[in-house]
């Protein structure tokens, strides 16, 4: 059995790995969308109005870091669960 066949076979039967990958992508997109929404709806009145334009990139950067962190964490979980399921399915 080739590596690709083995990988696809375990991935097809491992629901936990599939869920970890899906959650990683969903949380990545969700953090980016929410970060953009929160930074665009940031408004200050009066003398602090120019401050909103100055801190908007920093807020988006924080949400971007959180999105990448969620993606890498869920992919790490997916790899760990994949290896456990590989041992269980293929009995190595």
PDB file of N, CA and C in Angstrom:
ATOM      1  N   UNK A   1       0.842  -1.161   0.000  1.00  0.00           N
ATOM      2  CA  UNK A   1       0.000   0.000   0.000  1.00  0.00           C
ATOM      3  C   UNK A   1       0.902   1.242   0.000  1.00  0.00           C
ATOM      4  N   UNK A   2       0.639   2.141  -0.894  1.00  0.00           N
ATOM      5  CA  UNK A   2       1.464   3.340  -0.984  1.00  0.00           C
ATOM      6  C   UNK A   2       1.086   4.327   0.125  1.00  0.00           C
ATOM      7  N   UNK A   3       1.951   5.299   0.314  1.00  0.00           N
ATOM      8  CA  UNK A   3       1.722   6.287   1.365  1.00  0.00           C
ATOM      9  C   UNK A   3       0.453   7.088   1.107  1.00  0.00           C
ATOM     10  N   UNK A   4       0.209   7.471  -0.147  1.00  0.00           N
ATOM     11  CA  UNK A   4      -0.965   8.276  -0.475  1.00  0.00           C
ATOM     12  C   UNK A   4      -2.247   7.498  -0.216  1.00  0.00           C
ATOM     13  N   UNK A   5      -2.274   6.235  -0.603  1.00  0.00           N
ATOM     14  CA  UNK A   5      -3.459   5.408  -0.353  1.00  0.00           C
ATOM     15  C   UNK A   5      -3.710   5.252   1.138  1.00  0.00           C
ATOM     16  N   UNK A   6      -2.637   5.026   1.880  1.00  0.00           N
ATOM     17  CA  UNK A   6      -2.749   4.870   3.328  1.00  0.00           C
ATOM     18  C   UNK A   6      -3.256   6.162   3.969  1.00  0.00           C
ATOM     19  N   UNK A   7      -2.710   7.292   3.537  1.00  0.00           N
ATOM     20  CA  UNK A   7      -3.124   8.589   4.078  1.00  0.00           C
ATOM     21  C   UNK A   7      -4.598   8.847   3.806  1.00  0.00           C
ATOM     22  N   UNK A   8      -5.032   8.623   2.569  1.00  0.00           N
ATOM     23  CA  UNK A   8      -6.428   8.891   2.222  1.00  0.00           C
ATOM     24  C   UNK A   8      -7.386   7.922   2.896  1.00  0.00           C
ATOM     25  N   UNK A   9      -6.954   6.679   3.076  1.00  0.00           N
ATOM     26  CA  UNK A   9      -7.793   5.696   3.742  1.00  0.00           C
ATOM     27  C   UNK A   9      -8.024   6.071   5.201  1.00  0.00           C
ATOM     28  N   UNK A  10      -6.960   6.426   5.899  1.00  0.00           N
ATOM     29  CA  UNK A  10      -7.094   6.813   7.303  1.00  0.00           C
ATOM     30  C   UNK A  10      -7.874   8.116   7.420  1.00  0.00           C
ATOM     31  N   UNK A  11      -7.640   9.050   6.526  1.00  0.00           N
ATOM     32  CA  UNK A  11      -8.360  10.324   6.560  1.00  0.00           C
ATOM     33  C   UNK A  11      -9.849  10.131   6.296  1.00  0.00           C
ATOM     34  N   UNK A  12     -10.198   9.189   5.428  1.00  0.00           N
ATOM     35  CA  UNK A  12     -11.602   8.947   5.114  1.00  0.00           C
ATOM     36  C   UNK A  12     -12.351   8.367   6.309  1.00  0.00           C
ATOM     37  N   UNK A  13     -11.692   7.540   7.103  1.00  0.00           N
ATOM     38  CA  UNK A  13     -12.357   6.895   8.224  1.00  0.00           C
ATOM     39  C   UNK A  13     -12.184   7.630   9.553  1.00  0.00           C
ATOM     40  N   UNK A  14     -11.316   8.586   9.620  1.00  0.00           N
ATOM     41  CA  UNK A  14     -11.059   9.303  10.862  1.00  0.00           C
ATOM     42  C   UNK A  14     -11.906  10.572  10.927  1.00  0.00           C
ATOM     43  N   UNK A  15     -13.001  10.480  11.630  1.00  0.00           N
ATOM     44  CA  UNK A  15     -13.903  11.620  11.760  1.00  0.00           C
ATOM     45  C   UNK A  15     -13.264  12.713  12.616  1.00  0.00           C
ATOM     46  N   UNK A  16     -12.518  12.327  13.636  1.00  0.00           N
ATOM     47  CA  UNK A  16     -11.883  13.322  14.508  1.00  0.00           C
ATOM     48  C   UNK A  16     -10.867  14.158  13.738  1.00  0.00           C
ATOM     49  N   UNK A  17     -10.119  13.537  12.839  1.00  0.00           N
ATOM     50  CA  UNK A  17      -9.159  14.288  12.033  1.00  0.00           C
ATOM     51  C   UNK A  17      -9.883  15.247  11.091  1.00  0.00           C
ATOM     52  N   UNK A  18     -10.945  14.771  10.490  1.00  0.00           N
ATOM     53  CA  UNK A  18     -11.717  15.628   9.593  1.00  0.00           C
ATOM     54  C   UNK A  18     -12.293  16.824  10.337  1.00  0.00           C
ATOM     55  N   UNK A  19     -12.823  16.572  11.546  1.00  0.00           N
ATOM     56  CA  UNK A  19     -13.389  17.672  12.329  1.00  0.00           C
ATOM     57  C   UNK A  19     -12.319  18.666  12.752  1.00  0.00           C
ATOM     58  N   UNK A  20     -11.141  18.197  13.105  1.00  0.00           N
ATOM     59  CA  UNK A  20     -10.065  19.112  13.503  1.00  0.00           C
ATOM     60  C   UNK A  20      -9.650  20.003  12.332  1.00  0.00           C
ATOM     61  N   UNK A  21      -9.570  19.432  11.146  1.00  0.00           N
ATOM     62  CA  UNK A  21      -9.211  20.232   9.965  1.00  0.00           C
ATOM     63  C   UNK A  21     -10.306  21.244   9.649  1.00  0.00           C
ATOM     64  N   UNK A  22     -11.555  20.800   9.706  1.00  0.00           N
ATOM     65  CA  UNK A  22     -12.681  21.702   9.406  1.00  0.00           C
ATOM     66  C   UNK A  22     -12.748  22.829  10.435  1.00  0.00           C
ATOM     67  N   UNK A  23     -12.616  22.485  11.739  1.00  0.00           N
ATOM     68  CA  UNK A  23     -12.643  23.521  12.770  1.00  0.00           C
ATOM     69  C   UNK A  23     -11.490  24.498  12.609  1.00  0.00           C
ATOM     70  N   UNK A  24     -10.334  24.016  12.221  1.00  0.00           N
ATOM     71  CA  UNK A  24      -9.194  24.905  12.007  1.00  0.00           C
ATOM     72  C   UNK A  24      -9.468  25.927  10.920  1.00  0.00           C
ATOM     73  N   UNK A  25     -10.015  25.473   9.815  1.00  0.00           N
ATOM     74  CA  UNK A  25     -10.308  26.385   8.704  1.00  0.00           C
ATOM     75  C   UNK A  25     -11.435  27.348   9.077  1.00  0.00           C
ATOM     76  N   UNK A  26     -12.471  26.840   9.746  1.00  0.00           N
ATOM     77  CA  UNK A  26     -13.603  27.693  10.126  1.00  0.00           C
ATOM     78  C   UNK A  26     -13.167  28.758  11.131  1.00  0.00           C
ATOM     79  N   UNK A  27     -12.393  28.380  12.141  1.00  0.00           N
ATOM     80  CA  UNK A  27     -11.933  29.359  13.121  1.00  0.00           C
ATOM     81  C   UNK A  27     -10.967  30.355  12.499  1.00  0.00           C
ATOM     82  N   UNK A  28     -10.142  29.915  11.555  1.00  0.00           N
ATOM     83  CA  UNK A  28      -9.225  30.828  10.870  1.00  0.00           C
ATOM     84  C   UNK A  28     -10.010  31.900  10.119  1.00  0.00           C
ATOM     85  N   UNK A  29     -10.971  31.474   9.335  1.00  0.00           N
ATOM     86  CA  UNK A  29     -11.783  32.430   8.571  1.00  0.00           C
ATOM     87  C   UNK A  29     -12.622  33.296   9.511  1.00  0.00           C
ATOM     88  N   UNK A  30     -13.171  32.672  10.559  1.00  0.00           N
ATOM     89  CA  UNK A  30     -13.997  33.422  11.510  1.00  0.00           C
ATOM     90  C   UNK A  30     -13.226  34.505  12.232  1.00  0.00           C
ATOM     91  N   UNK A  31     -12.011  34.191  12.695  1.00  0.00           N
ATOM     92  CA  UNK A  31     -11.198  35.206  13.363  1.00  0.00           C
ATOM     93  C   UNK A  31     -10.853  36.349  12.414  1.00  0.00           C
ATOM     94  N   UNK A  32     -10.519  36.026  11.171  1.00  0.00           N
ATOM     95  CA  UNK A  32     -10.177  37.100  10.232  1.00  0.00           C
ATOM     96  C   UNK A  32     -11.375  37.990   9.933  1.00  0.00           C
ATOM     97  N   UNK A  33     -12.544  37.383   9.755  1.00  0.00           N
ATOM     98  CA  UNK A  33     -13.745  38.167   9.452  1.00  0.00           C
ATOM     99  C   UNK A  33     -14.156  39.009  10.658  1.00  0.00           C
ATOM    100  N   UNK A  34     -14.151  38.410  11.851  1.00  0.00           N
ATOM    101  CA  UNK A  34     -14.517  39.175  13.044  1.00  0.00           C
ATOM    102  C   UNK A  34     -13.518  40.285  13.335  1.00  0.00           C
ATOM    103  N   UNK A  35     -12.244  40.034  13.146  1.00  0.00           N
ATOM    104  CA  UNK A  35     -11.246  41.070  13.355  1.00  0.00           C
ATOM    105  C   UNK A  35     -11.428  42.241  12.415  1.00  0.00           C
ATOM    106  N   UNK A  36     -11.712  41.932  11.163  1.00  0.00           N
ATOM    107  CA  UNK A  36     -11.947  43.010  10.201  1.00  0.00           C
ATOM    108  C   UNK A  36     -13.213  43.785  10.563  1.00  0.00           C
ATOM    109  N   UNK A  37     -14.260  43.061  10.958  1.00  0.00           N
ATOM    110  CA  UNK A  37     -15.518  43.724  11.319  1.00  0.00           C
ATOM    111  C   UNK A  37     -15.335  44.619  12.545  1.00  0.00           C
ATOM    112  N   UNK A  38     -14.677  44.106  13.581  1.00  0.00           N
ATOM    113  CA  UNK A  38     -14.489  44.893  14.798  1.00  0.00           C
ATOM    114  C   UNK A  38     -13.595  46.106  14.557  1.00  0.00           C
ATOM    115  N   UNK A  39     -12.587  45.957  13.724  1.00  0.00           N
ATOM    116  CA  UNK A  39     -11.712  47.108  13.481  1.00  0.00           C
ATOM    117  C   UNK A  39     -12.387  48.149  12.590  1.00  0.00           C
ATOM    118  N   UNK A  40     -13.246  47.716  11.694  1.00  0.00           N
ATOM    119  CA  UNK A  40     -13.938  48.684  10.828  1.00  0.00           C
ATOM    120  C   UNK A  40     -15.053  49.419  11.555  1.00  0.00           C
ATOM    121  N   UNK A  41     -15.640  48.804  12.574  1.00  0.00           N
ATOM    122  CA  UNK A  41     -16.720  49.465  13.305  1.00  0.00           C
ATOM    123  C   UNK A  41     -16.213  50.246  14.507  1.00  0.00           C
ATOM    124  N   UNK A  42     -14.909  50.397  14.633  1.00  0.00           N
ATOM    125  CA  UNK A  42     -14.318  51.149  15.728  1.00  0.00           C
ATOM    126  C   UNK A  42     -14.421  52.642  15.418  1.00  0.00           C
ATOM    127  N   UNK A  43     -15.146  53.370  16.263  1.00  0.00           N
ATOM    128  CA  UNK A  43     -15.324  54.809  16.062  1.00  0.00           C
ATOM    129  C   UNK A  43     -15.153  55.532  17.393  1.00  0.00           C
ATOM    130  N   UNK A  44     -14.401  56.611  17.354  1.00  0.00           N
ATOM    131  CA  UNK A  44     -14.244  57.480  18.509  1.00  0.00           C
ATOM    132  C   UNK A  44     -14.795  58.851  18.141  1.00  0.00           C
ATOM    133  N   UNK A  45     -15.247  59.572  19.137  1.00  0.00           N
ATOM    134  CA  UNK A  45     -15.816  60.904  18.917  1.00  0.00           C
ATOM    135  C   UNK A  45     -14.833  61.975  19.381  1.00  0.00           C
ATOM    136  N   UNK A  46     -14.930  63.114  18.771  1.00  0.00           N
ATOM    137  CA  UNK A  46     -14.174  64.287  19.217  1.00  0.00           C
ATOM    138  C   UNK A  46     -12.691  64.211  18.919  1.00  0.00           C
ATOM    139  N   UNK A  47     -11.899  64.519  19.951  1.00  0.00           N
ATOM    140  CA  UNK A  47     -10.448  64.586  19.780  1.00  0.00           C
ATOM    141  C   UNK A  47      -9.810  63.218  19.542  1.00  0.00           C
ATOM    142  N   UNK A  48     -10.486  62.159  19.932  1.00  0.00           N
ATOM    143  CA  UNK A  48      -9.925  60.815  19.784  1.00  0.00           C
ATOM    144  C   UNK A  48     -10.240  60.177  18.430  1.00  0.00           C
ATOM    145  N   UNK A  49     -10.932  60.888  17.547  1.00  0.00           N
ATOM    146  CA  UNK A  49     -11.307  60.326  16.245  1.00  0.00           C
ATOM    147  C   UNK A  49     -10.091  59.898  15.409  1.00  0.00           C
ATOM    148  N   UNK A  50      -9.001  60.643  15.358  1.00  0.00           N
ATOM    149  CA  UNK A  50      -7.841  60.176  14.578  1.00  0.00           C
ATOM    150  C   UNK A  50      -7.172  58.935  15.176  1.00  0.00           C
ATOM    151  N   UNK A  51      -7.415  58.672  16.446  1.00  0.00           N
ATOM    152  CA  UNK A  51      -6.828  57.511  17.094  1.00  0.00           C
ATOM    153  C   UNK A  51      -7.360  56.202  16.509  1.00  0.00           C
ATOM    154  N   UNK A  52      -8.602  56.213  16.052  1.00  0.00           N
ATOM    155  CA  UNK A  52      -9.187  55.000  15.482  1.00  0.00           C
ATOM    156  C   UNK A  52      -8.421  54.556  14.241  1.00  0.00           C
ATOM    157  N   UNK A  53      -8.031  55.490  13.394  1.00  0.00           N
ATOM    158  CA  UNK A  53      -7.258  55.136  12.204  1.00  0.00           C
ATOM    159  C   UNK A  53      -5.862  54.640  12.551  1.00  0.00           C
ATOM    160  N   UNK A  54      -5.328  55.110  13.669  1.00  0.00           N
ATOM    161  CA  UNK A  54      -3.976  54.711  14.056  1.00  0.00           C
ATOM    162  C   UNK A  54      -3.936  53.312  14.655  1.00  0.00           C
ATOM    163  N   UNK A  55      -4.969  52.919  15.403  1.00  0.00           N
ATOM    164  CA  UNK A  55      -4.925  51.610  16.057  1.00  0.00           C
ATOM    165  C   UNK A  55      -5.623  50.519  15.265  1.00  0.00           C
ATOM    166  N   UNK A  56      -6.306  50.863  14.205  1.00  0.00           N
ATOM    167  CA  UNK A  56      -7.015  49.866  13.390  1.00  0.00           C
ATOM    168  C   UNK A  56      -6.085  48.771  12.856  1.00  0.00           C
ATOM    169  N   UNK A  57      -4.904  49.078  12.314  1.00  0.00           N
ATOM    170  CA  UNK A  57      -4.017  47.995  11.841  1.00  0.00           C
ATOM    171  C   UNK A  57      -3.532  47.082  12.958  1.00  0.00           C
ATOM    172  N   UNK A  58      -3.334  47.631  14.156  1.00  0.00           N
ATOM    173  CA  UNK A  58      -2.870  46.806  15.270  1.00  0.00           C
ATOM    174  C   UNK A  58      -3.951  45.833  15.732  1.00  0.00           C
ATOM    175  N   UNK A  59      -5.193  46.288  15.699  1.00  0.00           N
ATOM    176  CA  UNK A  59      -6.297  45.397  16.071  1.00  0.00           C
ATOM    177  C   UNK A  59      -6.426  44.268  15.053  1.00  0.00           C
ATOM    178  N   UNK A  60      -6.345  44.617  13.772  1.00  0.00           N
ATOM    179  CA  UNK A  60      -6.421  43.572  12.748  1.00  0.00           C
ATOM    180  C   UNK A  60      -5.237  42.609  12.847  1.00  0.00           C
ATOM    181  N   UNK A  61      -4.066  43.100  13.204  1.00  0.00           N
ATOM    182  CA  UNK A  61      -2.890  42.247  13.337  1.00  0.00           C
ATOM    183  C   UNK A  61      -3.079  41.260  14.489  1.00  0.00           C
ATOM    184  N   UNK A  62      -3.666  41.712  15.594  1.00  0.00           N
ATOM    185  CA  UNK A  62      -3.910  40.822  16.732  1.00  0.00           C
ATOM    186  C   UNK A  62      -4.876  39.701  16.352  1.00  0.00           C
ATOM    187  N   UNK A  63      -5.920  40.043  15.629  1.00  0.00           N
ATOM    188  CA  UNK A  63      -6.868  39.018  15.200  1.00  0.00           C
ATOM    189  C   UNK A  63      -6.239  38.078  14.178  1.00  0.00           C
ATOM    190  N   UNK A  64      -5.349  38.595  13.353  1.00  0.00           N
ATOM    191  CA  UNK A  64      -4.659  37.735  12.399  1.00  0.00           C
ATOM    192  C   UNK A  64      -3.754  36.738  13.111  1.00  0.00           C
ATOM    193  N   UNK A  65      -3.047  37.192  14.146  1.00  0.00           N
ATOM    194  CA  UNK A  65      -2.217  36.277  14.929  1.00  0.00           C
ATOM    195  C   UNK A  65      -3.068  35.204  15.611  1.00  0.00           C
ATOM    196  N   UNK A  66      -4.223  35.606  16.132  1.00  0.00           N
ATOM    197  CA  UNK A  66      -5.113  34.643  16.764  1.00  0.00           C
ATOM    198  C   UNK A  66      -5.629  33.628  15.742  1.00  0.00           C
ATOM    199  N   UNK A  67      -5.909  34.093  14.520  1.00  0.00           N
ATOM    200  CA  UNK A  67      -6.394  33.189  13.472  1.00  0.00           C
ATOM    201  C   UNK A  67      -5.324  32.179  13.092  1.00  0.00           C
ATOM    202  N   UNK A  68      -4.088  32.636  12.912  1.00  0.00           N
ATOM    203  CA  UNK A  68      -3.006  31.708  12.582  1.00  0.00           C
ATOM    204  C   UNK A  68      -2.743  30.735  13.725  1.00  0.00           C
ATOM    205  N   UNK A  69      -2.847  31.223  14.948  1.00  0.00           N
ATOM    206  CA  UNK A  69      -2.669  30.346  16.101  1.00  0.00           C
ATOM    207  C   UNK A  69      -3.727  29.259  16.158  1.00  0.00           C
ATOM    208  N   UNK A  70      -4.971  29.623  15.895  1.00  0.00           N
ATOM    209  CA  UNK A  70      -6.047  28.628  15.886  1.00  0.00           C
ATOM    210  C   UNK A  70      -5.837  27.617  14.766  1.00  0.00           C
ATOM    211  N   UNK A  71      -5.422  28.089  13.596  1.00  0.00           N
ATOM    212  CA  UNK A  71      -5.206  27.179  12.471  1.00  0.00           C
ATOM    213  C   UNK A  71      -4.094  26.183  12.764  1.00  0.00           C
ATOM    214  N   UNK A  72      -2.961  26.667  13.263  1.00  0.00           N
ATOM    215  CA  UNK A  72      -1.842  25.766  13.558  1.00  0.00           C
ATOM    216  C   UNK A  72      -2.164  24.821  14.706  1.00  0.00           C
ATOM    217  N   UNK A  73      -2.905  25.296  15.694  1.00  0.00           N
ATOM    218  CA  UNK A  73      -3.274  24.438  16.818  1.00  0.00           C
ATOM    219  C   UNK A  73      -4.197  23.315  16.370  1.00  0.00           C
ATOM    220  N   UNK A  74      -5.196  23.642  15.576  1.00  0.00           N
ATOM    221  CA  UNK A  74      -6.106  22.602  15.101  1.00  0.00           C
ATOM    222  C   UNK A  74      -5.404  21.645  14.143  1.00  0.00           C
ATOM    223  N   UNK A  75      -4.477  22.135  13.343  1.00  0.00           N
ATOM    224  CA  UNK A  75      -3.728  21.214  12.481  1.00  0.00           C
ATOM    225  C   UNK A  75      -2.820  20.318  13.311  1.00  0.00           C
ATOM    226  N   UNK A  76      -2.275  20.834  14.409  1.00  0.00           N
ATOM    227  CA  UNK A  76      -1.498  19.989  15.313  1.00  0.00           C
ATOM    228  C   UNK A  76      -2.363  18.899  15.937  1.00  0.00           C
ATOM    229  N   UNK A  77      -3.579  19.265  16.323  1.00  0.00           N
ATOM    230  CA  UNK A  77      -4.515  18.274  16.860  1.00  0.00           C
ATOM    231  C   UNK A  77      -4.864  17.253  15.787  1.00  0.00           C
ATOM    232  N   UNK A  78      -5.063  17.707  14.568  1.00  0.00           N
ATOM    233  CA  UNK A  78      -5.406  16.788  13.475  1.00  0.00           C
ATOM    234  C   UNK A  78      -4.270  15.795  13.219  1.00  0.00           C
ATOM    235  N   UNK A  79      -3.037  16.261  13.272  1.00  0.00           N
ATOM    236  CA  UNK A  79      -1.895  15.361  13.055  1.00  0.00           C
ATOM    237  C   UNK A  79      -1.805  14.336  14.179  1.00  0.00           C
ATOM    238  N   UNK A  80      -1.977  14.796  15.421  1.00  0.00           N
ATOM    239  CA  UNK A  80      -1.903  13.877  16.555  1.00  0.00           C
ATOM    240  C   UNK A  80      -3.016  12.829  16.501  1.00  0.00           C
ATOM    241  N   UNK A  81      -4.230  13.248  16.167  1.00  0.00           N
ATOM    242  CA  UNK A  81      -5.357  12.314  16.075  1.00  0.00           C
ATOM    243  C   UNK A  81      -5.174  11.385  14.875  1.00  0.00           C
ATOM    244  N   UNK A  82      -4.642  11.903  13.772  1.00  0.00           N
ATOM    245  CA  UNK A  82      -4.387  11.072  12.602  1.00  0.00           C
ATOM    246  C   UNK A  82      -3.419   9.944  12.934  1.00  0.00           C
ATOM    247  N   UNK A  83      -2.355  10.256  13.656  1.00  0.00           N
ATOM    248  CA  UNK A  83      -1.379   9.227  13.997  1.00  0.00           C
ATOM    249  C   UNK A  83      -1.985   8.164  14.914  1.00  0.00           C
ATOM    250  N   UNK A  84      -2.836   8.572  15.853  1.00  0.00           N
ATOM    251  CA  UNK A  84      -3.508   7.602  16.713  1.00  0.00           C
ATOM    252  C   UNK A  84      -4.463   6.719  15.900  1.00  0.00           C
ATOM    253  N   UNK A  85      -5.230   7.328  15.009  1.00  0.00           N
ATOM    254  CA  UNK A  85      -6.172   6.558  14.196  1.00  0.00           C
ATOM    255  C   UNK A  85      -5.451   5.673  13.192  1.00  0.00           C
ATOM    256  N   UNK A  86      -4.300   6.114  12.733  1.00  0.00           N
ATOM    257  CA  UNK A  86      -3.515   5.287  11.807  1.00  0.00           C
ATOM    258  C   UNK A  86      -3.068   4.003  12.496  1.00  0.00           C
ATOM    259  N   UNK A  87      -2.623   4.144  13.734  1.00  0.00           N
ATOM    260  CA  UNK A  87      -2.232   2.936  14.493  1.00  0.00           C
ATOM    261  C   UNK A  87      -3.442   2.032  14.726  1.00  0.00           C
ATOM    262  N   UNK A  88      -4.571   2.640  15.000  1.00  0.00           N
ATOM    263  CA  UNK A  88      -5.761   1.849  15.287  1.00  0.00           C
ATOM    264  C   UNK A  88      -6.311   1.164  14.042  1.00  0.00           C
ATOM    265  N   UNK A  89      -6.358   1.875  12.916  1.00  0.00           N
ATOM    266  CA  UNK A  89      -6.933   1.308  11.698  1.00  0.00           C
ATOM    267  C   UNK A  89      -6.002   0.313  11.029  1.00  0.00           C
ATOM    268  N   UNK A  90      -4.719   0.637  10.953  1.00  0.00           N
ATOM    269  CA  UNK A  90      -3.790  -0.205  10.216  1.00  0.00           C
ATOM    270  C   UNK A  90      -3.007  -1.152  11.119  1.00  0.00           C
ATOM    271  N   UNK A  91      -3.185  -1.052  12.427  1.00  0.00           N
ATOM    272  CA  UNK A  91      -2.615  -1.951  13.419  1.00  0.00           C
ATOM    273  C   UNK A  91      -1.100  -2.041  13.327  1.00  0.00           C
ATOM    274  N   UNK A  92      -0.468  -0.859  13.357  1.00  0.00           N
ATOM    275  CA  UNK A  92       1.001  -0.820  13.372  1.00  0.00           C
ATOM    276  C   UNK A  92       1.488  -0.937  14.772  1.00  0.00           C
TER     277      UNK A  92
END
